[in-house]
C-alpha atoms as a PDB file:
ATOM      1  CA  MET A   1      15.087 243.229 119.019  1.00  0.00           C
ATOM      2  CA  ARG A   2      17.612 245.601 120.407  1.00  0.00           C
ATOM      3  CA  VAL A   3      21.286 244.060 121.047  1.00  0.00           C
ATOM      4  CA  PRO A   4      22.429 245.072 124.602  1.00  0.00           C
ATOM      5  CA  ARG A   5      25.012 247.831 124.501  1.00  0.00           C
ATOM      6  CA  ARG A   6      27.504 245.388 126.402  1.00  0.00           C
ATOM      7  CA  LEU A   7      27.280 242.680 123.849  1.00  0.00           C
ATOM      8  CA  LEU A   8      27.823 245.188 120.931  1.00  0.00           C
ATOM      9  CA  LEU A   9      30.864 246.474 123.036  1.00  0.00           C
ATOM     10  CA  LEU A  10      32.188 243.063 123.625  1.00  0.00           C
ATOM     11  CA  GLY A  11      31.932 242.320 119.986  1.00  0.00           C
ATOM     12  CA  SER A  12      33.758 245.277 119.002  1.00  0.00           C
ATOM     13  CA  VAL A  13      36.716 244.636 121.234  1.00  0.00           C
ATOM     14  CA  ALA A  14      37.025 240.924 120.231  1.00  0.00           C
ATOM     15  CA  ALA A  15      36.823 242.088 116.474  1.00  0.00           C
ATOM     16  CA  ALA A  16      39.527 244.707 117.136  1.00  0.00           C
ATOM     17  CA  ALA A  17      41.688 242.148 119.124  1.00  0.00           C
ATOM     18  CA  ALA A  18      41.383 239.798 116.220  1.00  0.00           C
ATOM     19  CA  LEU A  19      42.265 242.406 113.635  1.00  0.00           C
ATOM     20  CA  TYR A  20      45.368 243.317 115.582  1.00  0.00           C
ATOM     21  CA  VAL A  21      46.585 239.827 116.072  1.00  0.00           C
ATOM     22  CA  ARG A  22      46.158 239.056 112.542  1.00  0.00           C
ATOM     23  CA  GLY A  23      47.395 242.264 111.031  1.00  0.00           C
ATOM     24  CA  VAL A  24      49.835 243.422 113.547  1.00  0.00           C
ATOM     25  CA  TYR A  25      50.786 241.264 116.372  1.00  0.00           C
ATOM     26  CA  ARG A  26      51.799 238.195 114.079  1.00  0.00           C
ATOM     27  CA  TYR A  27      54.177 240.372 112.052  1.00  0.00           C
ATOM     28  CA  ARG A  28      56.339 241.594 114.990  1.00  0.00           C
ATOM     29  CA  ASP A  29      59.960 241.666 114.680  1.00  0.00           C
ATOM     30  CA  PRO A  30      61.536 241.611 118.284  1.00  0.00           C
ATOM     31  CA  VAL A  31      65.015 242.667 118.829  1.00  0.00           C
ATOM     32  CA  ARG A  32      67.025 239.588 119.469  1.00  0.00           C
ATOM     33  CA  LEU A  33      70.884 240.188 120.504  1.00  0.00           C
ATOM     34  CA  PRO A  34      72.294 236.622 121.135  1.00  0.00           C
ATOM     35  CA  THR A  35      75.671 235.989 122.750  1.00  0.00           C
ATOM     36  CA  PRO A  36      76.056 232.029 122.245  1.00  0.00           C
ATOM     37  CA  ALA A  37      78.854 230.262 123.508  1.00  0.00           C
ATOM     38  CA  ALA A  38      81.229 228.252 121.343  1.00  0.00           C
ATOM     39  CA  GLY A  39      79.348 225.445 119.736  1.00  0.00           C
ATOM     40  CA  ALA A  40      75.906 226.437 120.920  1.00  0.00           C
ATOM     41  CA  VAL A  41      72.959 225.500 118.530  1.00  0.00           C
ATOM     42  CA  LEU A  42      70.304 228.043 118.857  1.00  0.00           C
ATOM     43  CA  SER A  43      66.702 227.512 118.380  1.00  0.00           C
ATOM     44  CA  PRO A  44      65.773 228.763 114.750  1.00  0.00           C
ATOM     45  CA  ALA A  45      62.198 229.866 115.902  1.00  0.00           C
ATOM     46  CA  ASP A  46      59.943 230.473 118.868  1.00  0.00           C
ATOM     47  CA  GLY A  47      57.489 227.740 119.734  1.00  0.00           C
ATOM     48  CA  ARG A  48      56.973 224.526 121.481  1.00  0.00           C
ATOM     49  CA  VAL A  49      59.071 221.355 121.017  1.00  0.00           C
ATOM     50  CA  LEU A  50      56.789 218.653 119.715  1.00  0.00           C
ATOM     51  CA  LEU A  51      59.409 216.295 118.358  1.00  0.00           C
ATOM     52  CA  VAL A  52      62.905 215.023 119.509  1.00  0.00           C
ATOM     53  CA  ARG A  53      64.079 211.727 117.642  1.00  0.00           C
ATOM     54  CA  ARG A  54      67.085 209.947 116.957  1.00  0.00           C
ATOM     55  CA  VAL A  55      68.382 209.457 113.473  1.00  0.00           C
ATOM     56  CA  THR A  56      69.955 205.983 112.822  1.00  0.00           C
ATOM     57  CA  ASP A  57      71.026 204.574 109.539  1.00  0.00           C
ATOM     58  CA  GLY A  58      69.237 207.494 107.749  1.00  0.00           C
ATOM     59  CA  GLN A  59      66.283 206.958 109.447  1.00  0.00           C
ATOM     60  CA  VAL A  60      64.294 209.417 111.798  1.00  0.00           C
ATOM     61  CA  GLU A  61      62.632 207.152 114.479  1.00  0.00           C
ATOM     62  CA  GLY A  62      58.794 206.806 113.847  1.00  0.00           C
ATOM     63  CA  GLN A  63      59.219 209.604 110.721  1.00  0.00           C
ATOM     64  CA  GLY A  64      60.839 207.766 107.993  1.00  0.00           C
ATOM     65  CA  ALA A  65      63.938 208.801 105.889  1.00  0.00           C
ATOM     66  CA  ALA A  66      65.783 211.535 107.085  1.00  0.00           C
ATOM     67  CA  ALA A  67      66.685 212.737 103.541  1.00  0.00           C
ATOM     68  CA  ALA A  68      62.949 213.004 102.463  1.00  0.00           C
ATOM     69  CA  LEU A  69      61.905 214.781 105.803  1.00  0.00           C
ATOM     70  CA  LEU A  70      64.711 217.442 105.269  1.00  0.00           C
ATOM     71  CA  GLY A  71      64.564 217.687 101.773  1.00  0.00           C
ATOM     72  CA  TRP A  72      68.324 216.820 101.661  1.00  0.00           C
ATOM     73  CA  PRO A  73      69.992 213.843  99.855  1.00  0.00           C
ATOM     74  CA  GLU A  74      72.887 214.309 101.949  1.00  0.00           C
ATOM     75  CA  ALA A  75      71.209 214.180 105.207  1.00  0.00           C
ATOM     76  CA  PRO A  76      73.327 212.607 107.997  1.00  0.00           C
ATOM     77  CA  ALA A  77      72.839 208.910 108.724  1.00  0.00           C
ATOM     78  CA  THR A  78      73.183 209.451 112.289  1.00  0.00           C
ATOM     79  CA  GLY A  79      72.347 212.574 114.912  1.00  0.00           C
ATOM     80  CA  TRP A  80      68.973 213.901 116.012  1.00  0.00           C
ATOM     81  CA  VAL A  81      65.933 215.778 114.371  1.00  0.00           C
ATOM     82  CA  LEU A  82      64.002 217.993 116.472  1.00  0.00           C
ATOM     83  CA  GLY A  83      60.689 219.447 115.771  1.00  0.00           C
ATOM     84  CA  VAL A  84      59.389 223.123 116.875  1.00  0.00           C
ATOM     85  CA  TYR A  85      55.858 224.240 116.357  1.00  0.00           C
ATOM     86  CA  VAL A  86      55.387 227.819 115.447  1.00  0.00           C
ATOM     87  CA  GLY A  87      51.903 228.781 116.488  1.00  0.00           C
ATOM     88  CA  PRO A  88      50.041 231.471 115.102  1.00  0.00           C
ATOM     89  CA  LEU A  89      50.485 234.039 118.085  1.00  0.00           C
ATOM     90  CA  ASP A  90      54.538 233.064 117.913  1.00  0.00           C
ATOM     91  CA  VAL A  91      56.850 235.107 116.143  1.00  0.00           C
ATOM     92  CA  GLN A  92      57.058 234.068 112.340  1.00  0.00           C
ATOM     93  CA  TYR A  93      60.588 234.789 111.873  1.00  0.00           C
ATOM     94  CA  LEU A  94      63.378 232.106 111.488  1.00  0.00           C
ATOM     95  CA  TYR A  95      66.957 232.579 112.771  1.00  0.00           C
ATOM     96  CA  GLN A  96      70.060 230.922 111.864  1.00  0.00           C
ATOM     97  CA  PRO A  97      71.097 228.688 114.799  1.00  0.00           C
ATOM     98  CA  VAL A  98      74.789 228.716 114.372  1.00  0.00           C
ATOM     99  CA  GLY A  99      77.457 230.736 112.723  1.00  0.00           C
ATOM    100  CA  GLY A 100      79.682 229.834 110.101  1.00  0.00           C
ATOM    101  CA  GLU A 101      78.667 229.319 106.429  1.00  0.00           C
ATOM    102  CA  VAL A 102      75.638 228.880 104.473  1.00  0.00           C
ATOM    103  CA  VAL A 103      76.291 225.756 102.418  1.00  0.00           C
ATOM    104  CA  ARG A 104      72.687 225.057 101.290  1.00  0.00           C
ATOM    105  CA  ALA A 105      69.575 227.095 100.704  1.00  0.00           C
ATOM    106  CA  GLU A 106      66.833 225.747  98.793  1.00  0.00           C
ATOM    107  CA  PHE A 107      63.258 227.245  98.572  1.00  0.00           C
ATOM    108  CA  SER A 108      60.335 226.040  96.400  1.00  0.00           C
ATOM    109  CA  ASP A 109      56.870 227.520  96.338  1.00  0.00           C
ATOM    110  CA  ALA A 110      55.985 224.729  93.904  1.00  0.00           C
ATOM    111  CA  LEU A 111      55.828 222.289  96.799  1.00  0.00           C
ATOM    112  CA  ALA A 112      52.868 223.851  98.086  1.00  0.00           C
ATOM    113  CA  ALA A 113      51.066 222.820  94.984  1.00  0.00           C
ATOM    114  CA  GLN A 114      52.300 219.104  95.058  1.00  0.00           C
ATOM    115  CA  GLY A 115      49.825 218.258  97.844  1.00  0.00           C
ATOM    116  CA  GLY A 116      50.993 219.176 101.302  1.00  0.00           C
ATOM    117  CA  ALA A 117      50.057 217.286 104.744  1.00  0.00           C
ATOM    118  CA  ALA A 118      47.473 218.909 107.111  1.00  0.00           C
ATOM    119  CA  GLY A 119      48.813 220.786 109.814  1.00  0.00           C
ATOM    120  CA  LEU A 120      47.517 220.538 113.280  1.00  0.00           C
ATOM    121  CA  GLY A 121      43.997 220.454 114.347  1.00  0.00           C
ATOM    122  CA  LEU A 122      42.111 223.174 116.113  1.00  0.00           C
ATOM    123  CA  GLY A 123      42.099 221.082 119.299  1.00  0.00           C
ATOM    124  CA  ALA A 124      45.750 220.486 119.155  1.00  0.00           C
ATOM    125  CA  ARG A 125      46.488 224.022 118.589  1.00  0.00           C
ATOM    126  CA  ALA A 126      44.236 225.127 121.519  1.00  0.00           C
ATOM    127  CA  ARG A 127      46.213 222.685 123.712  1.00  0.00           C
ATOM    128  CA  LEU A 128      49.432 224.170 122.595  1.00  0.00           C
ATOM    129  CA  LEU A 129      48.195 227.593 123.586  1.00  0.00           C
ATOM    130  CA  LEU A 130      47.575 226.309 127.271  1.00  0.00           C
ATOM    131  CA  GLY A 131      50.887 224.757 127.425  1.00  0.00           C
ATOM    132  CA  GLN A 132      49.801 221.016 126.899  1.00  0.00           C
ATOM    133  CA  PRO A 133      51.309 218.456 124.792  1.00  0.00           C
ATOM    134  CA  ALA A 134      50.006 217.909 121.519  1.00  0.00           C
ATOM    135  CA  GLU A 135      50.673 215.273 118.885  1.00  0.00           C
ATOM    136  CA  VAL A 136      53.024 215.539 116.034  1.00  0.00           C
ATOM    137  CA  PRO A 137      51.449 216.686 112.668  1.00  0.00           C
ATOM    138  CA  ALA A 138      51.700 214.999 109.500  1.00  0.00           C
ATOM    139  CA  LEU A 139      54.646 216.523 107.791  1.00  0.00           C
ATOM    140  CA  GLY A 140      54.956 217.054 103.622  1.00  0.00           C
ATOM    141  CA  ARG A 141      58.176 217.879 101.722  1.00  0.00           C
ATOM    142  CA  PRO A 142      59.996 220.760 102.805  1.00  0.00           C
ATOM    143  CA  ARG A 143      59.401 224.057 100.954  1.00  0.00           C
ATOM    144  CA  LEU A 144      62.445 225.672 102.584  1.00  0.00           C
ATOM    145  CA  THR A 145      65.613 223.939 103.841  1.00  0.00           C
ATOM    146  CA  PHE A 146      68.931 225.421 104.766  1.00  0.00           C
ATOM    147  CA  THR A 147      72.254 223.819 105.885  1.00  0.00           C
ATOM    148  CA  LEU A 148      74.857 226.081 108.043  1.00  0.00           C
ATOM    149  CA  ARG A 149      78.433 224.684 108.787  1.00  0.00           C
ATOM    150  CA  ALA A 150      79.825 225.750 112.007  1.00  0.00           C
ATOM    151  CA  PRO A 151      83.351 226.624 112.603  1.00  0.00           C
ATOM    152  CA  GLU A 152      83.652 224.240 115.367  1.00  0.00           C
ATOM    153  CA  GLY A 153      82.799 221.290 112.911  1.00  0.00           C
ATOM    154  CA  GLY A 154      79.390 219.746 111.880  1.00  0.00           C
ATOM    155  CA  GLU A 155      76.411 220.895 109.920  1.00  0.00           C
ATOM    156  CA  VAL A 156      72.891 222.073 111.270  1.00  0.00           C
ATOM    157  CA  THR A 157      69.858 221.755 108.925  1.00  0.00           C
ATOM    158  CA  VAL A 158      66.669 223.703 109.518  1.00  0.00           C
ATOM    159  CA  ALA A 159      63.536 222.720 107.027  1.00  0.00           C
ATOM    160  CA  LEU A 160      60.121 223.941 106.934  1.00  0.00           C
ATOM    161  CA  PRO A 161      57.904 221.077 105.841  1.00  0.00           C
ATOM    162  CA  ASP A 162      54.752 221.942 103.751  1.00  0.00           C
ATOM    163  CA  GLN A 163      51.801 221.253 105.737  1.00  0.00           C
ATOM    164  CA  GLY A 164      48.881 222.150 103.174  1.00  0.00           C
ATOM    165  CA  SER A 165      49.460 226.269 103.875  1.00  0.00           C
ATOM    166  CA  HIS A 166      49.814 228.609 101.203  1.00  0.00           C
ATOM    167  CA  ALA A 167      51.060 231.217 103.278  1.00  0.00           C
ATOM    168  CA  GLU A 168      53.971 233.452 102.229  1.00  0.00           C
ATOM    169  CA  THR A 169      57.485 232.191 102.948  1.00  0.00           C
ATOM    170  CA  LEU A 170      60.619 234.202 102.234  1.00  0.00           C
ATOM    171  CA  ASN A 171      64.220 233.049 102.316  1.00  0.00           C
ATOM    172  CA  PHE A 172      66.909 235.513 103.175  1.00  0.00           C
ATOM    173  CA  LEU A 173      69.847 233.074 102.752  1.00  0.00           C
ATOM    174  CA  ARG A 174      72.242 232.082  99.778  1.00  0.00           C
ATOM    175  CA  PRO A 175      75.067 229.351  99.503  1.00  0.00           C
ATOM    176  CA  GLY A 176      78.345 230.742 100.421  1.00  0.00           C
ATOM    177  CA  ASP A 177      76.932 233.771 102.733  1.00  0.00           C
ATOM    178  CA  PRO A 178      78.442 233.843 106.168  1.00  0.00           C
ATOM    179  CA  ALA A 179      76.117 232.373 108.771  1.00  0.00           C
ATOM    180  CA  ARG A 180      75.730 234.639 111.925  1.00  0.00           C
ATOM    181  CA  ALA A 181      74.290 232.691 114.985  1.00  0.00           C
ATOM    182  CA  GLY A 182      70.694 234.559 115.657  1.00  0.00           C
ATOM    183  CA  ASN A 183      70.249 236.469 112.568  1.00  0.00           C
ATOM    184  CA  LYS A 184      67.173 236.142 110.379  1.00  0.00           C
ATOM    185  CA  ALA A 185      67.160 233.251 108.026  1.00  0.00           C
ATOM    186  CA  ALA A 186      63.819 233.253 106.800  1.00  0.00           C
ATOM    187  CA  TYR A 187      59.873 234.482 107.211  1.00  0.00           C
ATOM    188  CA  ALA A 188      57.480 231.933 107.527  1.00  0.00           C
ATOM    189  CA  GLU A 189      53.847 233.445 107.937  1.00  0.00           C
ATOM    190  CA  GLY A 190      51.454 231.345 109.532  1.00  0.00           C
ATOM    191  CA  GLY A 191      54.117 229.590 111.350  1.00  0.00           C
ATOM    192  CA  GLY A 192      54.067 225.465 111.466  1.00  0.00           C
ATOM    193  CA  MET A 193      56.443 222.729 112.232  1.00  0.00           C
ATOM    194  CA  VAL A 194      60.245 223.538 111.893  1.00  0.00           C
ATOM    195  CA  LEU A 195      62.721 220.618 111.932  1.00  0.00           C
ATOM    196  CA  VAL A 196      65.991 221.234 113.237  1.00  0.00           C
ATOM    197  CA  ALA A 197      68.569 218.363 112.248  1.00  0.00           C
ATOM    198  CA  LEU A 198      71.563 218.038 114.552  1.00  0.00           C
ATOM    199  CA  PRO A 199      74.900 215.902 113.454  1.00  0.00           C
ATOM    200  CA  GLU A 200      76.354 212.997 115.401  1.00  0.00           C
ATOM    201  CA  GLY A 201      77.817 214.002 118.586  1.00  0.00           C
ATOM    202  CA  ALA A 202      75.379 216.633 119.312  1.00  0.00           C
ATOM    203  CA  THR A 203      72.992 215.939 122.327  1.00  0.00           C
ATOM    204  CA  PRO A 204      69.392 217.655 122.489  1.00  0.00           C
ATOM    205  CA  GLN A 205      69.173 219.820 125.640  1.00  0.00           C
ATOM    206  CA  VAL A 206      65.467 220.195 125.189  1.00  0.00           C
ATOM    207  CA  GLY A 207      62.386 217.961 125.558  1.00  0.00           C
ATOM    208  CA  VAL A 208      59.266 217.430 124.110  1.00  0.00           C
ATOM    209  CA  GLY A 209      56.744 220.057 125.742  1.00  0.00           C
ATOM    210  CA  ASP A 210      59.338 222.857 126.122  1.00  0.00           C
ATOM    211  CA  HIS A 211      59.076 226.197 124.941  1.00  0.00           C
ATOM    212  CA  VAL A 212      61.845 227.874 123.142  1.00  0.00           C
ATOM    213  CA  THR A 213      62.604 231.199 122.007  1.00  0.00           C
ATOM    214  CA  GLY A 214      64.228 231.841 118.566  1.00  0.00           C
ATOM    215  CA  ALA A 215      68.008 233.038 118.436  1.00  0.00           C
ATOM    216  CA  GLU A 216      68.117 232.572 122.478  1.00  0.00           C
ATOM    217  CA  THR A 217      67.247 229.278 123.672  1.00  0.00           C
ATOM    218  CA  VAL A 218      69.919 226.672 123.177  1.00  0.00           C
ATOM    219  CA  LEU A 219      68.784 223.338 121.536  1.00  0.00           C
ATOM    220  CA  SER A 220      72.518 221.613 122.012  1.00  0.00           C
ATOM    221  CA  HIS A 221      76.078 221.811 121.527  1.00  0.00           C
ATOM    222  CA  LEU A 222      78.128 220.612 118.737  1.00  0.00           C
ATOM    223  CA  GLY A 223      81.244 218.376 119.638  1.00  0.00           C
END
């Protein structure tokens, strides 16, 4: 039985598109030239906001201890935690949300081997691609976490929880380095959930379901 030429052509186009997305598009590195106002906290990643939770007495509403979630024993007792889900078609780079100084930068491939939590299911990913809300995925221990101290006062922490993926993650930061808002901080192949911890006094300016752009969208202001 001969396969119709039209089906062969459609199959070839679909295969080429899949290879392009997997081998080229997901590795793109767009130019970002942020000019944030003083005290602005920029999104560290491209994606959709799935989590906006208050931190009280060291506990993230509905998610447990902030120290465990962020991989930081000295996590602030009060503030906010935001979660941005980076999908497979989003830019895979992470950016520094504020300028100032890098006070922490911890990275461990070993965490992925300790039993990470499962990421979003196929249905949830499809809803995100269509701009619809999705549930917050289960979050494992962070394999990457860094903290920046802004000159305006206050510290902003970014964490990439392990979600059962063994995709490559590269950290570009070291403690003591100068932080520059909008500069690259890491590369996280495959995306996933990215958490941002805001200190007390910083109020989120985005809500669940909003789409954000790394190094451009303002998540909050310090002070």
